[in-house]
Amino acid sequence: MTRVNLPVILWMTAAFLSFLASVGCWFFVDKQTGLYIGLWVPSVLALGCLLNPLQRSRAGGATASPGTQARQPNELR
């Protein structure tokens, strides 16, 4: 079983709090404000996906992008 590290938990928490703020603003403040805050959710998740591989490569982890396999130099397609 893989262990989820702290930065992933923080990014997911930030995205979830943004979602909750969006829903709260939609129902209790203003629909336009709720839509604006709702746009933060995919932005926060995208930033987390961008920064997480950078952190792994600095820590000595895999250098290949997620979902791709590292090719050998002499490997033919």
Protein backbone atom coordinates (compact mmCIF):
# COMPACT_ATOMS: atom_id res chain seq x y z
CA MET A 1 0.00 0.00 0.00
CA THR A 2 1.43 3.36 -0.97
CA ARG A 3 1.74 6.07 1.60
CA VAL A 4 0.41 9.53 0.75
CA ASN A 5 2.94 12.21 1.62
CA LEU A 6 2.24 15.51 3.36
CA PRO A 7 2.35 17.85 0.31
CA VAL A 8 -0.30 15.78 -1.48
CA ILE A 9 -2.53 15.94 1.58
CA LEU A 10 -2.04 19.72 1.78
CA TRP A 11 -2.90 20.26 -1.92
CA MET A 12 -5.99 18.07 -1.66
CA THR A 13 -7.07 19.89 1.51
CA ALA A 14 -6.62 23.28 -0.17
CA ALA A 15 -8.70 22.13 -3.17
CA PHE A 16 -11.43 20.75 -0.90
CA LEU A 17 -11.57 23.94 1.18
CA SER A 18 -11.82 25.95 -2.03
CA PHE A 19 -14.71 23.74 -3.11
CA LEU A 20 -16.48 24.23 0.22
CA ALA A 21 -15.96 28.01 0.04
CA SER A 22 -17.36 27.99 -3.48
CA VAL A 23 -20.49 26.10 -2.46
CA GLY A 24 -20.95 28.34 0.58
CA CYS A 25 -20.66 31.50 -1.50
CA TRP A 26 -22.99 30.10 -4.15
CA PHE A 27 -25.79 29.54 -1.65
CA PHE A 28 -25.20 32.26 0.94
CA VAL A 29 -23.38 35.19 -0.70
CA ASP A 30 -23.52 35.52 -4.47
CA LYS A 31 -23.56 33.05 -7.35
CA GLN A 32 -20.90 34.95 -9.30
CA THR A 33 -18.53 34.85 -6.32
CA GLY A 34 -19.21 31.15 -5.91
CA LEU A 35 -18.33 30.54 -9.55
CA TYR A 36 -15.14 32.56 -9.23
CA ILE A 37 -13.98 30.65 -6.17
CA GLY A 38 -15.01 27.39 -7.85
CA LEU A 39 -12.46 28.09 -10.57
CA TRP A 40 -9.71 27.85 -7.95
CA VAL A 41 -10.26 24.11 -7.44
CA PRO A 42 -8.78 22.86 -10.74
CA SER A 43 -6.07 25.53 -10.53
CA VAL A 44 -4.97 24.33 -7.09
CA LEU A 45 -5.02 20.69 -8.22
CA ALA A 46 -3.05 21.51 -11.39
CA LEU A 47 -0.43 23.39 -9.38
CA GLY A 48 -0.14 20.43 -7.02
CA CYS A 49 0.34 18.04 -9.95
CA LEU A 50 2.98 20.33 -11.38
CA LEU A 51 4.96 20.69 -8.16
CA ASN A 52 4.71 17.10 -6.91
CA PRO A 53 6.96 15.53 -9.62
CA LEU A 54 9.48 18.34 -9.09
CA GLN A 55 9.64 17.49 -5.42
CA ARG A 56 10.09 13.77 -6.17
CA SER A 57 12.91 14.41 -8.63
CA ARG A 58 14.76 16.55 -6.06
CA ALA A 59 14.35 13.81 -3.46
CA GLY A 60 16.01 11.27 -5.75
CA GLY A 61 12.82 9.63 -7.02
CA ALA A 62 11.88 8.77 -10.56
CA THR A 63 12.76 11.35 -13.18
CA ALA A 64 10.27 10.15 -15.81
CA SER A 65 6.91 11.85 -16.04
CA PRO A 66 3.96 10.02 -14.49
CA GLY A 67 2.35 7.63 -16.95
CA THR A 68 5.43 7.33 -19.14
CA GLN A 69 8.22 4.82 -19.13
CA ALA A 70 11.85 5.74 -19.42
CA ARG A 71 13.26 4.48 -22.72
CA GLN A 72 16.63 2.94 -23.21
CA PRO A 73 18.87 4.90 -25.62
CA ASN A 74 19.07 2.03 -28.15
CA GLU A 75 15.39 1.10 -27.99
CA LEU A 76 13.53 1.24 -31.31
CA ARG A 77 9.93 2.36 -31.56
